[in-house]
C-alpha atoms as a PDB file:
ATOM      1  CA  MET A   1     -13.594   0.335   5.889  1.00  0.00           C
ATOM      2  CA  LEU A   2      -9.937   0.975   4.964  1.00  0.00           C
ATOM      3  CA  GLN A   3      -9.212   4.168   3.084  1.00  0.00           C
ATOM      4  CA  PRO A   4      -6.192   4.893   0.951  1.00  0.00           C
ATOM      5  CA  GLY A   5      -3.152   4.912   3.140  1.00  0.00           C
ATOM      6  CA  ASP A   6      -4.752   2.763   5.800  1.00  0.00           C
ATOM      7  CA  PHE A   7      -3.958  -0.716   7.071  1.00  0.00           C
ATOM      8  CA  GLY A   8      -5.446  -3.103   9.582  1.00  0.00           C
ATOM      9  CA  ALA A   9      -4.704  -6.511  11.143  1.00  0.00           C
ATOM     10  CA  ASN A  10      -6.132  -8.691  13.904  1.00  0.00           C
ATOM     11  CA  ALA A  11      -6.142 -12.156  15.313  1.00  0.00           C
ATOM     12  CA  ARG A  12      -9.755 -11.932  16.512  1.00  0.00           C
ATOM     13  CA  GLY A  13     -11.466 -12.801  13.104  1.00  0.00           C
ATOM     14  CA  GLU A  14     -12.944  -9.233  12.827  1.00  0.00           C
ATOM     15  CA  PRO A  15     -13.475  -8.689   9.089  1.00  0.00           C
ATOM     16  CA  LEU A  16     -11.584  -5.897   7.313  1.00  0.00           C
ATOM     17  CA  ALA A  17     -12.975  -4.279   4.144  1.00  0.00           C
ATOM     18  CA  THR A  18     -12.020  -1.733   1.452  1.00  0.00           C
ATOM     19  CA  VAL A  19     -12.911  -0.479  -1.972  1.00  0.00           C
ATOM     20  CA  LEU A  20     -10.213  -0.476  -4.583  1.00  0.00           C
ATOM     21  CA  GLY A  21     -10.005   1.316  -7.936  1.00  0.00           C
ATOM     22  CA  SER A  22      -6.475   1.845  -9.196  1.00  0.00           C
ATOM     23  CA  CYS A  23      -5.198   1.362  -5.634  1.00  0.00           C
ATOM     24  CA  VAL A  24      -3.900  -1.991  -4.472  1.00  0.00           C
ATOM     25  CA  SER A  25      -4.399  -4.045  -1.298  1.00  0.00           C
ATOM     26  CA  ILE A  26      -1.910  -6.590  -0.152  1.00  0.00           C
ATOM     27  CA  VAL A  27      -3.479  -9.167   2.150  1.00  0.00           C
ATOM     28  CA  LEU A  28      -1.126 -11.003   4.498  1.00  0.00           C
ATOM     29  CA  TYR A  29      -2.176 -14.090   6.503  1.00  0.00           C
ATOM     30  CA  ASP A  30      -0.370 -16.236   9.081  1.00  0.00           C
ATOM     31  CA  GLU A  31      -2.141 -19.620   9.248  1.00  0.00           C
ATOM     32  CA  GLY A  32      -0.188 -20.664  12.382  1.00  0.00           C
ATOM     33  CA  LEU A  33      -1.408 -17.634  14.353  1.00  0.00           C
ATOM     34  CA  ARG A  34      -4.793 -17.422  12.532  1.00  0.00           C
ATOM     35  CA  ALA A  35      -4.144 -13.677  12.070  1.00  0.00           C
ATOM     36  CA  GLY A  36      -4.217 -11.543   8.953  1.00  0.00           C
ATOM     37  CA  GLY A  37      -4.412  -8.016   7.697  1.00  0.00           C
ATOM     38  CA  MET A  38      -4.377  -5.847   4.648  1.00  0.00           C
ATOM     39  CA  ASN A  39      -3.341  -2.397   3.514  1.00  0.00           C
ATOM     40  CA  HIS A  40      -4.655   0.022   0.902  1.00  0.00           C
ATOM     41  CA  PHE A  41      -1.982   2.000  -1.014  1.00  0.00           C
ATOM     42  CA  LEU A  42      -1.393   3.988  -4.108  1.00  0.00           C
ATOM     43  CA  LEU A  43       1.946   5.098  -5.498  1.00  0.00           C
ATOM     44  CA  PRO A  44       2.311   8.790  -6.507  1.00  0.00           C
ATOM     45  CA  GLY A  45       3.889   7.838  -9.764  1.00  0.00           C
ATOM     46  CA  ARG A  46       4.865   4.839 -11.902  1.00  0.00           C
ATOM     47  CA  VAL A  47       7.760   2.853 -10.446  1.00  0.00           C
ATOM     48  CA  GLY A  48      10.462   2.424 -12.982  1.00  0.00           C
ATOM     49  CA  PRO A  49      11.855  -0.953 -13.982  1.00  0.00           C
ATOM     50  CA  GLY A  50      14.659  -2.425 -11.894  1.00  0.00           C
ATOM     51  CA  ASP A  51      15.172  -2.320  -8.095  1.00  0.00           C
ATOM     52  CA  VAL A  52      11.962  -1.142  -6.371  1.00  0.00           C
ATOM     53  CA  PHE A  53      14.004  -0.388  -3.262  1.00  0.00           C
ATOM     54  CA  ARG A  54      15.724   2.524  -5.150  1.00  0.00           C
ATOM     55  CA  ASP A  55      12.703   4.190  -6.647  1.00  0.00           C
ATOM     56  CA  SER A  56      11.364   7.185  -4.612  1.00  0.00           C
ATOM     57  CA  ALA A  57       7.736   6.612  -5.790  1.00  0.00           C
ATOM     58  CA  ALA A  58       7.922   3.082  -4.334  1.00  0.00           C
ATOM     59  CA  PHE A  59       8.507   4.443  -0.826  1.00  0.00           C
ATOM     60  CA  TYR A  60       4.764   4.722  -0.159  1.00  0.00           C
ATOM     61  CA  GLY A  61       4.164   1.107  -1.138  1.00  0.00           C
ATOM     62  CA  MET A  62       7.083  -0.192   0.930  1.00  0.00           C
ATOM     63  CA  TYR A  63       5.885   1.815   3.891  1.00  0.00           C
ATOM     64  CA  ALA A  64       2.310   0.391   3.469  1.00  0.00           C
ATOM     65  CA  VAL A  65       3.728  -3.153   3.441  1.00  0.00           C
ATOM     66  CA  ASP A  66       6.102  -2.605   6.364  1.00  0.00           C
ATOM     67  CA  LEU A  67       3.399  -1.188   8.558  1.00  0.00           C
ATOM     68  CA  LEU A  68       1.201  -4.218   7.942  1.00  0.00           C
ATOM     69  CA  VAL A  69       4.087  -6.705   8.437  1.00  0.00           C
ATOM     70  CA  ASN A  70       5.114  -4.993  11.695  1.00  0.00           C
ATOM     71  CA  GLU A  71       1.568  -5.025  13.021  1.00  0.00           C
ATOM     72  CA  LEU A  72       1.298  -8.745  12.344  1.00  0.00           C
ATOM     73  CA  LEU A  73       4.723  -9.314  14.036  1.00  0.00           C
ATOM     74  CA  ARG A  74       3.426  -7.358  17.026  1.00  0.00           C
ATOM     75  CA  LEU A  75       0.461  -9.718  17.240  1.00  0.00           C
ATOM     76  CA  GLY A  76       2.874 -12.675  17.391  1.00  0.00           C
ATOM     77  CA  SER A  77       3.156 -13.636  13.736  1.00  0.00           C
ATOM     78  CA  SER A  78       6.232 -15.119  12.168  1.00  0.00           C
ATOM     79  CA  ARG A  79       7.500 -13.493   8.993  1.00  0.00           C
ATOM     80  CA  ALA A  80       8.391 -16.923   7.662  1.00  0.00           C
ATOM     81  CA  ARG A  81       4.705 -17.987   7.782  1.00  0.00           C
ATOM     82  CA  LEU A  82       3.281 -14.994   5.983  1.00  0.00           C
ATOM     83  CA  LYS A  83       1.377 -15.647   2.771  1.00  0.00           C
ATOM     84  CA  ALA A  84      -0.044 -12.937   0.477  1.00  0.00           C
ATOM     85  CA  LYS A  85      -2.949 -12.209  -1.762  1.00  0.00           C
ATOM     86  CA  VAL A  86      -3.100  -9.096  -4.073  1.00  0.00           C
ATOM     87  CA  PHE A  87      -6.149  -7.149  -5.279  1.00  0.00           C
ATOM     88  CA  GLY A  88      -6.920  -3.982  -7.193  1.00  0.00           C
ATOM     89  CA  GLY A  89      -5.108  -2.005  -9.843  1.00  0.00           C
ATOM     90  CA  ALA A  90      -8.098  -1.294 -12.112  1.00  0.00           C
ATOM     91  CA  ALA A  91      -7.675   1.214 -14.943  1.00  0.00           C
ATOM     92  CA  MET A  92     -11.152   2.588 -14.555  1.00  0.00           C
ATOM     93  CA  LEU A  93     -11.239   5.755 -16.630  1.00  0.00           C
ATOM     94  CA  SER A  94      -8.588   5.277 -19.311  1.00  0.00           C
ATOM     95  CA  LEU A  95      -7.494   3.056 -22.097  1.00  0.00           C
ATOM     96  CA  PRO A  96      -4.728   0.471 -21.420  1.00  0.00           C
ATOM     97  CA  GLY A  97      -1.274   2.034 -21.417  1.00  0.00           C
ATOM     98  CA  ARG A  98      -2.487   5.602 -20.910  1.00  0.00           C
ATOM     99  CA  GLY A  99      -3.251   7.886 -18.006  1.00  0.00           C
ATOM    100  CA  MET A 100      -4.311   6.297 -14.753  1.00  0.00           C
ATOM    101  CA  SER A 101      -3.945   2.829 -16.280  1.00  0.00           C
ATOM    102  CA  ARG A 102      -0.126   3.403 -16.089  1.00  0.00           C
ATOM    103  CA  ILE A 103      -0.475   4.187 -12.374  1.00  0.00           C
ATOM    104  CA  ALA A 104      -2.673   1.127 -11.810  1.00  0.00           C
ATOM    105  CA  GLU A 105      -0.233  -1.077 -13.668  1.00  0.00           C
ATOM    106  CA  GLY A 106       2.664   0.349 -11.617  1.00  0.00           C
ATOM    107  CA  ASN A 107       0.852  -0.309  -8.360  1.00  0.00           C
ATOM    108  CA  VAL A 108       0.239  -3.983  -9.334  1.00  0.00           C
ATOM    109  CA  ALA A 109       3.827  -4.441 -10.623  1.00  0.00           C
ATOM    110  CA  PHE A 110       5.226  -2.937  -7.421  1.00  0.00           C
ATOM    111  CA  ALA A 111       3.132  -5.268  -5.222  1.00  0.00           C
ATOM    112  CA  PHE A 112       4.308  -8.453  -6.918  1.00  0.00           C
ATOM    113  CA  ASP A 113       7.914  -7.283  -7.240  1.00  0.00           C
ATOM    114  CA  TYR A 114       8.192  -6.191  -3.611  1.00  0.00           C
ATOM    115  CA  LEU A 115       6.613  -9.386  -2.273  1.00  0.00           C
ATOM    116  CA  ALA A 116       8.988 -11.455  -4.408  1.00  0.00           C
ATOM    117  CA  LYS A 117      11.974  -9.578  -3.126  1.00  0.00           C
ATOM    118  CA  GLU A 118      10.783 -10.019   0.478  1.00  0.00           C
ATOM    119  CA  GLY A 119      10.248 -13.781  -0.061  1.00  0.00           C
ATOM    120  CA  ILE A 120       6.576 -13.659   0.738  1.00  0.00           C
ATOM    121  CA  PRO A 121       4.645 -16.094  -1.621  1.00  0.00           C
ATOM    122  CA  VAL A 122       1.512 -14.862  -3.361  1.00  0.00           C
ATOM    123  CA  LEU A 123      -1.259 -17.471  -3.169  1.00  0.00           C
ATOM    124  CA  ALA A 124      -3.923 -15.639  -5.079  1.00  0.00           C
ATOM    125  CA  SER A 125      -4.659 -12.362  -6.896  1.00  0.00           C
ATOM    126  CA  ASP A 126      -7.324 -10.501  -8.773  1.00  0.00           C
ATOM    127  CA  VAL A 127      -5.817  -7.390 -10.442  1.00  0.00           C
ATOM    128  CA  GLY A 128      -6.192  -5.142 -13.440  1.00  0.00           C
ATOM    129  CA  GLY A 129      -9.305  -4.742 -15.564  1.00  0.00           C
ATOM    130  CA  PHE A 130     -11.552  -1.711 -15.666  1.00  0.00           C
ATOM    131  CA  ARG A 131     -13.912  -2.166 -12.692  1.00  0.00           C
ATOM    132  CA  ALA A 132     -13.473  -1.281  -9.009  1.00  0.00           C
ATOM    133  CA  ARG A 133     -13.538  -4.008  -6.404  1.00  0.00           C
ATOM    134  CA  ARG A 134     -14.878  -4.261  -2.872  1.00  0.00           C
ATOM    135  CA  ILE A 135     -13.056  -6.830  -0.727  1.00  0.00           C
ATOM    136  CA  TRP A 136     -13.632  -8.320   2.667  1.00  0.00           C
ATOM    137  CA  LEU A 137     -10.835 -10.139   4.621  1.00  0.00           C
ATOM    138  CA  PHE A 138     -11.569 -12.608   7.324  1.00  0.00           C
ATOM    139  CA  PRO A 139      -8.233 -12.491   9.228  1.00  0.00           C
ATOM    140  CA  ASP A 140      -8.632 -15.784  11.154  1.00  0.00           C
ATOM    141  CA  THR A 141      -8.939 -17.821   7.936  1.00  0.00           C
ATOM    142  CA  GLY A 142      -7.258 -15.634   5.314  1.00  0.00           C
ATOM    143  CA  ARG A 143     -10.461 -15.923   3.194  1.00  0.00           C
ATOM    144  CA  VAL A 144     -11.210 -12.963   0.953  1.00  0.00           C
ATOM    145  CA  LEU A 145     -14.559 -12.196  -0.575  1.00  0.00           C
ATOM    146  CA  LEU A 146     -14.514 -10.039  -3.695  1.00  0.00           C
ATOM    147  CA  GLN A 147     -17.316  -8.070  -5.338  1.00  0.00           C
ATOM    148  CA  ARG A 148     -16.849  -6.257  -8.612  1.00  0.00           C
ATOM    149  CA  ILE A 149     -18.536  -2.850  -8.554  1.00  0.00           C
ATOM    150  CA  GLY A 150     -20.580  -1.353 -11.409  1.00  0.00           C
ATOM    151  CA  THR A 151     -18.997   1.455 -13.418  1.00  0.00           C
ATOM    152  CA  ALA A 152     -21.275   4.113 -11.831  1.00  0.00           C
ATOM    153  CA  LEU A 153     -18.723   4.291  -8.985  1.00  0.00           C
ATOM    154  CA  ASN A 154     -15.726   4.619 -11.271  1.00  0.00           C
ATOM    155  CA  LEU A 155     -15.668   8.420 -11.602  1.00  0.00           C
ATOM    156  CA  PRO A 156     -16.109   9.366  -7.941  1.00  0.00           C
ATOM    157  CA  LEU A 157     -13.611   6.652  -6.846  1.00  0.00           C
ATOM    158  CA  ALA A 158     -11.093   7.814  -9.505  1.00  0.00           C
ATOM    159  CA  ARG A 159     -11.477  11.431  -8.334  1.00  0.00           C
ATOM    160  CA  SER A 160     -10.913  10.374  -4.723  1.00  0.00           C
ATOM    161  CA  GLU A 161      -7.856   8.382  -5.607  1.00  0.00           C
ATOM    162  CA  GLY A 162      -6.595  11.283  -7.782  1.00  0.00           C
ATOM    163  CA  ARG A 163      -6.742  13.606  -4.841  1.00  0.00           C
ATOM    164  CA  TYR A 164      -4.856  11.123  -2.651  1.00  0.00           C
ATOM    165  CA  ARG A 165      -2.255  10.627  -5.381  1.00  0.00           C
ATOM    166  CA  ARG A 166      -1.728  14.376  -5.697  1.00  0.00           C
ATOM    167  CA  SER A 167      -1.333  14.781  -1.949  1.00  0.00           C
ATOM    168  CA  LEU A 168       1.401  12.080  -1.986  1.00  0.00           C
ATOM    169  CA  ALA A 169       3.115  13.765  -4.979  1.00  0.00           C
ATOM    170  CA  ALA A 170       3.063  17.065  -3.012  1.00  0.00           C
ATOM    171  CA  LEU A 171       4.697  15.389  -0.071  1.00  0.00           C
ATOM    172  CA  ASP A 172       7.287  13.893  -2.387  1.00  0.00           C
ATOM    173  CA  ARG A 173       8.150  17.298  -3.778  1.00  0.00           C
ATOM    174  CA  GLU A 174       8.720  18.682  -0.219  1.00  0.00           C
ATOM    175  CA  GLY A 175      11.618  16.175   0.172  1.00  0.00           C
ATOM    176  CA  PRO A 176      12.228  13.298   2.558  1.00  0.00           C
ATOM    177  CA  SER A 177      11.271  13.598   6.203  1.00  0.00           C
ATOM    178  CA  VAL A 178      13.956  13.152   8.824  1.00  0.00           C
ATOM    179  CA  ILE A 179      12.975  11.610  12.095  1.00  0.00           C
ATOM    180  CA  PHE A 180      15.259  11.768  15.100  1.00  0.00           C
ATOM    181  CA  ASP A 181      14.755   9.749  18.314  1.00  0.00           C
ATOM    182  CA  ASP A 182      16.761  12.088  20.514  1.00  0.00           C
ATOM    183  CA  PRO A 183      16.041  15.723  21.425  1.00  0.00           C
ATOM    184  CA  ALA A 184      19.505  16.852  20.387  1.00  0.00           C
ATOM    185  CA  GLY A 185      18.947  15.373  16.894  1.00  0.00           C
ATOM    186  CA  LYS A 186      15.646  17.206  16.605  1.00  0.00           C
ATOM    187  CA  ALA A 187      17.255  20.445  17.618  1.00  0.00           C
ATOM    188  CA  ARG A 188      20.005  19.991  15.003  1.00  0.00           C
ATOM    189  CA  GLU A 189      17.403  19.354  12.297  1.00  0.00           C
ATOM    190  CA  ALA A 190      15.417  22.375  13.391  1.00  0.00           C
ATOM    191  CA  LEU A 191      18.513  24.545  13.011  1.00  0.00           C
ATOM    192  CA  ARG A 192      19.159  23.235   9.552  1.00  0.00           C
ATOM    193  CA  GLU A 193      15.522  24.012   8.490  1.00  0.00           C
ATOM    194  CA  ASP A 194      15.901  27.590   9.870  1.00  0.00           C
ATOM    195  CA  GLY A 195      19.052  28.053   7.891  1.00  0.00           C
ATOM    196  CA  GLY A 196      21.272  28.082  10.997  1.00  0.00           C
ATOM    197  CA  ASP A 197      24.434  26.194  11.696  1.00  0.00           C
ATOM    198  CA  ALA A 198      24.368  22.882  13.547  1.00  0.00           C
ATOM    199  CA  GLU A 199      27.081  20.723  14.933  1.00  0.00           C
ATOM    200  CA  PRO A 200      27.495  17.430  13.001  1.00  0.00           C
END
């Protein structure tokens, strides 16, 4: 069962499952390889209109999609063969246009906008509304089963997603992470963090 921030992919036909409230899952499938996968992501804030690649809140969605695409490429997939399906983005505890519904709407808008910019066609979707969804992906066929969940789960699921969103927002406030592949680069960054001088 994928949790927020997770992704999974395989070419063995092993089903993948997750439960979505305001979060979104992008399912990617390569018919030629008979492989597929999905992610489960939530943006820490609403992505503004315009270029999703320039919005800091969109980073977490782009990262979630890139992890999934890269895993499928590692399995032997071709990016040109990838097809998508999109699920989630329910506004479970608020009226349309208010509160978490804005976050849910932003998650959905990001998914479609990003896939369009990446040239990955969307074959099917089930998004929005006010009820959570449980989905199962069968990676060898790309088939997705969807079950709408009763509202009794709305409050605990919304609380869980709220905690996850706050943790992402806290990371965002700490500033971008810098990753160096060489020891000298890591040493230079450590000096900067300690307030020392470092050679450029």
